[in-house]
Amino acid sequence: MANKIVKYKLTDAGTIPTWIEDGGYYPNAEEVMIGATVDGSSEVGHGELASEADVKTYLDSYTSTWTEQDDSSDDPGATVPFDQAAAATNIWSKKVG
């Protein structure tokens, strides 16, 4: 079997859909998140991201102004630009099959 990497929203009750195995990644302004479905699920939520490149393209569409903590700095407030490629690789690693 295989799972899918999809865009999804929380249910009306504010919970994670039962067909999401691992999610909550990088919500956009409309609270659409990225997640991995349970193995064998046919759900696609708000759309399937069919490749790591698709995940990066989607992230590029709304995270261009994001920053994240710079762990290499002694300054706890130091930031660096958000790394969409690393984020896409991390999310795509949740793909099974």
C-alpha atoms as a PDB file:
ATOM      1  CA  MET A   1       0.000   0.000   0.000  1.00  0.00           C
ATOM      2  CA  ALA A   2       0.944   3.636  -0.052  1.00  0.00           C
ATOM      3  CA  ASN A   3      -0.047   6.897   1.521  1.00  0.00           C
ATOM      4  CA  LYS A   4      -0.377  10.358   0.009  1.00  0.00           C
ATOM      5  CA  ILE A   5       0.990  13.771   0.866  1.00  0.00           C
ATOM      6  CA  VAL A   6      -2.001  16.109   0.856  1.00  0.00           C
ATOM      7  CA  LYS A   7      -3.271  19.543   1.762  1.00  0.00           C
ATOM      8  CA  TYR A   8      -6.059  19.434   4.347  1.00  0.00           C
ATOM      9  CA  LYS A   9      -7.971  21.397   6.983  1.00  0.00           C
ATOM     10  CA  LEU A  10      -9.109  20.425  10.452  1.00  0.00           C
ATOM     11  CA  THR A  11     -12.618  19.024  10.753  1.00  0.00           C
ATOM     12  CA  ASP A  12     -15.538  21.271  11.767  1.00  0.00           C
ATOM     13  CA  ALA A  13     -14.930  20.040  15.334  1.00  0.00           C
ATOM     14  CA  GLY A  14     -11.334  21.322  15.144  1.00  0.00           C
ATOM     15  CA  THR A  15      -9.724  17.889  15.063  1.00  0.00           C
ATOM     16  CA  ILE A  16      -7.311  16.237  12.670  1.00  0.00           C
ATOM     17  CA  PRO A  17      -9.160  14.128  10.081  1.00  0.00           C
ATOM     18  CA  THR A  18      -8.973  10.410  10.849  1.00  0.00           C
ATOM     19  CA  TRP A  19      -7.333   9.774   7.480  1.00  0.00           C
ATOM     20  CA  ILE A  20      -4.266  11.900   8.389  1.00  0.00           C
ATOM     21  CA  GLU A  21      -1.435   9.875   9.937  1.00  0.00           C
ATOM     22  CA  ASP A  22       1.108  12.695  10.345  1.00  0.00           C
ATOM     23  CA  GLY A  23       0.213  16.298   9.700  1.00  0.00           C
ATOM     24  CA  GLY A  24      -0.075  19.859  10.859  1.00  0.00           C
ATOM     25  CA  TYR A  25       2.797  21.090   8.736  1.00  0.00           C
ATOM     26  CA  TYR A  26       3.112  24.685   7.546  1.00  0.00           C
ATOM     27  CA  PRO A  27      -0.453  26.024   7.655  1.00  0.00           C
ATOM     28  CA  ASN A  28      -1.192  28.834   5.220  1.00  0.00           C
ATOM     29  CA  ALA A  29      -3.392  31.892   5.883  1.00  0.00           C
ATOM     30  CA  GLU A  30      -6.530  29.815   5.202  1.00  0.00           C
ATOM     31  CA  GLU A  31      -5.356  27.195   7.757  1.00  0.00           C
ATOM     32  CA  VAL A  32      -4.701  24.579   5.081  1.00  0.00           C
ATOM     33  CA  MET A  33      -1.941  22.269   6.313  1.00  0.00           C
ATOM     34  CA  ILE A  34       0.210  19.582   4.757  1.00  0.00           C
ATOM     35  CA  GLY A  35       0.145  16.009   5.996  1.00  0.00           C
ATOM     36  CA  ALA A  36       0.575  12.350   5.188  1.00  0.00           C
ATOM     37  CA  THR A  37      -2.522  10.185   4.941  1.00  0.00           C
ATOM     38  CA  VAL A  38      -2.821   6.815   6.616  1.00  0.00           C
ATOM     39  CA  ASP A  39      -1.457   3.964   4.533  1.00  0.00           C
ATOM     40  CA  GLY A  40      -3.915   2.992   1.802  1.00  0.00           C
ATOM     41  CA  SER A  41      -6.214   6.013   2.201  1.00  0.00           C
ATOM     42  CA  SER A  42      -8.013   7.271  -0.893  1.00  0.00           C
ATOM     43  CA  GLU A  43      -8.550  10.741   0.650  1.00  0.00           C
ATOM     44  CA  VAL A  44      -6.901  13.745  -1.011  1.00  0.00           C
ATOM     45  CA  GLY A  45      -8.279  16.553   1.159  1.00  0.00           C
ATOM     46  CA  HIS A  46      -7.686  19.884  -0.564  1.00  0.00           C
ATOM     47  CA  GLY A  47      -5.351  18.313  -3.099  1.00  0.00           C
ATOM     48  CA  GLU A  48      -2.576  15.788  -3.371  1.00  0.00           C
ATOM     49  CA  LEU A  49       1.055  16.885  -3.636  1.00  0.00           C
ATOM     50  CA  ALA A  50       2.382  14.170  -5.933  1.00  0.00           C
ATOM     51  CA  SER A  51       6.127  14.843  -5.673  1.00  0.00           C
ATOM     52  CA  GLU A  52       8.699  16.519  -3.466  1.00  0.00           C
ATOM     53  CA  ALA A  53       8.954  19.234  -6.129  1.00  0.00           C
ATOM     54  CA  ASP A  54       5.176  19.811  -5.848  1.00  0.00           C
ATOM     55  CA  VAL A  55       5.521  20.215  -2.079  1.00  0.00           C
ATOM     56  CA  LYS A  56       8.291  22.788  -2.548  1.00  0.00           C
ATOM     57  CA  THR A  57       6.333  24.678  -5.213  1.00  0.00           C
ATOM     58  CA  TYR A  58       3.320  24.799  -2.914  1.00  0.00           C
ATOM     59  CA  LEU A  59       5.450  26.027   0.010  1.00  0.00           C
ATOM     60  CA  ASP A  60       7.078  28.632  -2.257  1.00  0.00           C
ATOM     61  CA  SER A  61       3.615  30.023  -2.991  1.00  0.00           C
ATOM     62  CA  TYR A  62       3.079  31.332   0.555  1.00  0.00           C
ATOM     63  CA  THR A  63       6.229  31.073   2.696  1.00  0.00           C
ATOM     64  CA  SER A  64       8.578  33.479   0.897  1.00  0.00           C
ATOM     65  CA  THR A  65       8.546  35.937   3.820  1.00  0.00           C
ATOM     66  CA  TRP A  66       8.842  33.318   6.565  1.00  0.00           C
ATOM     67  CA  THR A  67      11.898  33.046   8.791  1.00  0.00           C
ATOM     68  CA  GLU A  68      13.047  30.455  11.298  1.00  0.00           C
ATOM     69  CA  GLN A  69      15.453  30.413  14.213  1.00  0.00           C
ATOM     70  CA  ASP A  70      19.129  30.387  13.292  1.00  0.00           C
ATOM     71  CA  ASP A  71      20.457  27.485  15.351  1.00  0.00           C
ATOM     72  CA  SER A  72      24.046  28.292  14.343  1.00  0.00           C
ATOM     73  CA  SER A  73      23.931  31.696  16.053  1.00  0.00           C
ATOM     74  CA  ASP A  74      24.628  32.511  19.712  1.00  0.00           C
ATOM     75  CA  ASP A  75      21.843  35.099  19.475  1.00  0.00           C
ATOM     76  CA  PRO A  76      18.570  33.373  20.487  1.00  0.00           C
ATOM     77  CA  GLY A  77      16.637  35.925  18.415  1.00  0.00           C
ATOM     78  CA  ALA A  78      18.635  35.395  15.222  1.00  0.00           C
ATOM     79  CA  THR A  79      16.669  34.153  12.226  1.00  0.00           C
ATOM     80  CA  VAL A  80      17.346  32.905   8.729  1.00  0.00           C
ATOM     81  CA  PRO A  81      15.002  32.630   5.742  1.00  0.00           C
ATOM     82  CA  PHE A  82      12.659  29.635   5.843  1.00  0.00           C
ATOM     83  CA  ASP A  83      14.187  26.741   3.876  1.00  0.00           C
ATOM     84  CA  GLN A  84      11.397  25.506   1.604  1.00  0.00           C
ATOM     85  CA  ALA A  85      13.598  22.816   0.048  1.00  0.00           C
ATOM     86  CA  ALA A  86      14.480  21.302   3.441  1.00  0.00           C
ATOM     87  CA  ALA A  87      10.834  21.497   4.530  1.00  0.00           C
ATOM     88  CA  ALA A  88       9.715  19.748   1.333  1.00  0.00           C
ATOM     89  CA  THR A  89      12.304  17.007   1.851  1.00  0.00           C
ATOM     90  CA  ASN A  90      11.136  16.512   5.440  1.00  0.00           C
ATOM     91  CA  ILE A  91       7.480  16.266   4.427  1.00  0.00           C
ATOM     92  CA  TRP A  92       8.205  13.998   1.463  1.00  0.00           C
ATOM     93  CA  SER A  93      10.118  11.629   3.797  1.00  0.00           C
ATOM     94  CA  LYS A  94       6.723  10.779   5.320  1.00  0.00           C
ATOM     95  CA  LYS A  95       5.657   9.189   2.010  1.00  0.00           C
ATOM     96  CA  VAL A  96       5.315   5.424   2.222  1.00  0.00           C
ATOM     97  CA  GLY A  97       5.377   3.259  -0.874  1.00  0.00           C
END
